[in-house]
Amino acid sequence: MPCSDPTYGSWSQDRNAYCRRLNPQPPPGDPRWEGHYPDGAVYECILGPAYQGSLRSGTVWAPTAPPGALPAMTPEEAARIVVERMDLRAADIGIVPEDTPGRIGLVGLPVWMWTTPGPSTFGPQTLTGTAGGITITATARVERIVWSMGDGTSVTCTTPGTPYQESYGDRMSPDCGHRYSRTSVGKPDNA
C-alpha cells in the first residue's frame, strides 16, 4: 500500500486503512470525540478499493496522528481552545447619569463612562495550556471599549475610564466621556 494518498490521507497499519484528520473537527460535545475533547483529533478512516474491493469509511478518535498525517490540530485551533478555558466575562460598566428610571441627563452636561477593571473583565489574564499536543500561552486584555451613545456617535475608550464622584461636578471625564449636543424630545419614543 502507498504510504499516503492525496484523496484518502495517510496509511495506518494499525487500522488497515487510510486516515485523514477531519477538517473542520467536530464540535466539543460530538460523540465522535469519545469523551477526549480537546486532546487528540477525530479522523476519517477509509478502506480503499485496493484493500477491500470497495470503499468503506468511518470516523475514529485517536490521541496522535497516524505517521505522515497532519498534526492533531493547528496552532490556531489549539490557541482557540486555550482561550475558551480562560475566565473571561463582560465588563461591569458604570455610567453617570445612571441608566435607571427617574435619572435623566441634560443636554450639554458630561456623561462619564467606566468599567471596573479586573483580570476576567479587562485583563490582562494569561493562561498556558496544552491542546492537541501543542502548548500555547495566551494573554487576554482589553484594547478598547466602544460605547454606542444612541445619538449616532460612538466613543472609543482605551482605558477603563474614571468612576464619577459628586465632587467632579460638571467637569468632563478625563479619559472616557461624552457630551450630548441635542435633545431627544420629539424623537420616536424620545430615543
Foldseek 3Di string as FASTA:
>chain_A
DDQADPVQAGQAPVVQWHKAFDVPFDPPVDCQQVPVPQAFGKIKTWNDCVRPVDIDIDIHGDRFDGPPYDQRDDPVVFVVVQVVPDQADAFAKDKPVGPDPPGDDDAFFKMFIFTDDDCRHADFDWDWDDGSNDIDIDTDGDQWDWADPPPPDIWIFRHRFDDDDVVCPRDYTPTTMDGHHDFLPPPVVSD
